Amino acid sequence: MGRSTPSLRVVVRDYVERFKRAAEMLPREDRALVDRFLEDLETTLSAYMHVGSVDPLEVLILHLVRKMRELCTYRES
């Protein structure tokens, strides 16, 4: 019987769920930043689906680069 490898989308989703669980332990302002970071992750993931990458951390790092300006100027209302 062969082994199946989960798709990049599934592995990234698992990382996101772990991020969210860990963020629940953080102060409210930090949780808000984590939530803000995870917004629109789907567009970065879609780009990687076309590239054919299999590294979920690469997706999250590029997404962080895309969101850095927004996150650095974010003020919770």
C-alpha atoms as a PDB file:
ATOM      1  CA  MET A   1       0.000   0.000   0.000  1.00  0.00           C
ATOM      2  CA  GLY A   2       1.421   3.413  -1.004  1.00  0.00           C
ATOM      3  CA  ARG A   3       1.667   6.520   1.081  1.00  0.00           C
ATOM      4  CA  SER A   4      -0.180   9.646   0.175  1.00  0.00           C
ATOM      5  CA  THR A   5       1.246  13.103   0.644  1.00  0.00           C
ATOM      6  CA  PRO A   6      -1.130  15.832   1.787  1.00  0.00           C
ATOM      7  CA  SER A   7      -1.537  18.748  -0.598  1.00  0.00           C
ATOM      8  CA  LEU A   8       0.220  22.027   0.033  1.00  0.00           C
ATOM      9  CA  ARG A   9      -3.164  23.583   0.791  1.00  0.00           C
ATOM     10  CA  VAL A  10      -3.842  21.013   3.543  1.00  0.00           C
ATOM     11  CA  VAL A  11      -0.410  21.446   5.132  1.00  0.00           C
ATOM     12  CA  VAL A  12      -0.703  25.255   5.102  1.00  0.00           C
ATOM     13  CA  ARG A  13      -4.172  24.960   6.662  1.00  0.00           C
ATOM     14  CA  ASP A  14      -2.663  22.841   9.450  1.00  0.00           C
ATOM     15  CA  TYR A  15      -0.016  25.519  10.099  1.00  0.00           C
ATOM     16  CA  VAL A  16      -2.730  28.182  10.199  1.00  0.00           C
ATOM     17  CA  GLU A  17      -4.708  26.193  12.756  1.00  0.00           C
ATOM     18  CA  ARG A  18      -1.606  25.839  14.948  1.00  0.00           C
ATOM     19  CA  PHE A  19      -0.891  29.572  14.622  1.00  0.00           C
ATOM     20  CA  LYS A  20      -4.451  30.340  15.702  1.00  0.00           C
ATOM     21  CA  ARG A  21      -4.264  28.004  18.699  1.00  0.00           C
ATOM     22  CA  ALA A  22      -0.974  29.521  19.817  1.00  0.00           C
ATOM     23  CA  ALA A  23      -2.316  33.050  19.246  1.00  0.00           C
ATOM     24  CA  GLU A  24      -5.126  32.351  21.709  1.00  0.00           C
ATOM     25  CA  MET A  25      -2.462  32.374  24.452  1.00  0.00           C
ATOM     26  CA  LEU A  26      -1.091  35.775  23.434  1.00  0.00           C
ATOM     27  CA  PRO A  27      -2.192  39.266  24.456  1.00  0.00           C
ATOM     28  CA  ARG A  28      -5.159  40.663  22.524  1.00  0.00           C
ATOM     29  CA  GLU A  29      -3.000  43.015  20.427  1.00  0.00           C
ATOM     30  CA  ASP A  30      -0.757  40.148  19.328  1.00  0.00           C
ATOM     31  CA  ARG A  31      -3.751  37.947  18.485  1.00  0.00           C
ATOM     32  CA  ALA A  32      -5.060  40.769  16.312  1.00  0.00           C
ATOM     33  CA  LEU A  33      -1.742  40.899  14.432  1.00  0.00           C
ATOM     34  CA  VAL A  34      -1.802  37.138  13.860  1.00  0.00           C
ATOM     35  CA  ASP A  35      -5.356  37.385  12.537  1.00  0.00           C
ATOM     36  CA  ARG A  36      -4.360  40.304  10.336  1.00  0.00           C
ATOM     37  CA  PHE A  37      -1.345  38.358   9.016  1.00  0.00           C
ATOM     38  CA  LEU A  38      -3.510  35.387   8.071  1.00  0.00           C
ATOM     39  CA  GLU A  39      -5.961  37.536   6.101  1.00  0.00           C
ATOM     40  CA  ASP A  40      -5.736  36.973   2.345  1.00  0.00           C
ATOM     41  CA  LEU A  41      -3.328  34.041   2.728  1.00  0.00           C
ATOM     42  CA  GLU A  42      -5.302  32.315  -0.012  1.00  0.00           C
ATOM     43  CA  THR A  43      -3.881  34.629  -2.705  1.00  0.00           C
ATOM     44  CA  THR A  44      -0.294  33.787  -1.735  1.00  0.00           C
ATOM     45  CA  LEU A  45      -1.157  30.100  -1.549  1.00  0.00           C
ATOM     46  CA  SER A  46      -2.750  30.244  -4.996  1.00  0.00           C
ATOM     47  CA  ALA A  47       0.448  31.689  -6.463  1.00  0.00           C
ATOM     48  CA  TYR A  48       2.409  28.809  -4.961  1.00  0.00           C
ATOM     49  CA  MET A  49      -0.029  26.262  -6.349  1.00  0.00           C
ATOM     50  CA  HIS A  50       1.023  27.469  -9.819  1.00  0.00           C
ATOM     51  CA  VAL A  51       4.736  27.393  -8.961  1.00  0.00           C
ATOM     52  CA  GLY A  52       4.570  23.873  -7.621  1.00  0.00           C
ATOM     53  CA  SER A  53       6.295  24.471  -4.299  1.00  0.00           C
ATOM     54  CA  VAL A  54       5.842  21.873  -1.574  1.00  0.00           C
ATOM     55  CA  ASP A  55       7.233  23.873   1.354  1.00  0.00           C
ATOM     56  CA  PRO A  56       4.431  25.379   3.464  1.00  0.00           C
ATOM     57  CA  LEU A  57       6.861  27.631   5.343  1.00  0.00           C
ATOM     58  CA  GLU A  58       7.912  29.206   2.056  1.00  0.00           C
ATOM     59  CA  VAL A  59       4.268  30.158   1.466  1.00  0.00           C
ATOM     60  CA  LEU A  60       3.965  31.684   4.947  1.00  0.00           C
ATOM     61  CA  ILE A  61       7.259  33.591   4.636  1.00  0.00           C
ATOM     62  CA  LEU A  62       6.319  35.125   1.292  1.00  0.00           C
ATOM     63  CA  HIS A  63       2.908  36.001   2.709  1.00  0.00           C
ATOM     64  CA  LEU A  64       4.623  37.739   5.637  1.00  0.00           C
ATOM     65  CA  VAL A  65       6.766  39.731   3.211  1.00  0.00           C
ATOM     66  CA  ARG A  66       3.608  40.738   1.322  1.00  0.00           C
ATOM     67  CA  LYS A  67       1.914  41.862   4.555  1.00  0.00           C
ATOM     68  CA  MET A  68       4.856  43.504   6.372  1.00  0.00           C
ATOM     69  CA  ARG A  69       4.028  47.120   5.577  1.00  0.00           C
ATOM     70  CA  GLU A  70       0.405  46.653   6.549  1.00  0.00           C
ATOM     71  CA  LEU A  71       1.295  44.809   9.759  1.00  0.00           C
ATOM     72  CA  CYS A  72       3.939  47.353  10.780  1.00  0.00           C
ATOM     73  CA  THR A  73       1.481  50.226  10.478  1.00  0.00           C
ATOM     74  CA  TYR A  74      -1.531  48.346  11.881  1.00  0.00           C
ATOM     75  CA  ARG A  75      -3.241  49.905  14.855  1.00  0.00           C
ATOM     76  CA  GLU A  76      -6.037  47.952  16.462  1.00  0.00           C
ATOM     77  CA  SER A  77      -9.223  49.960  16.672  1.00  0.00           C
END
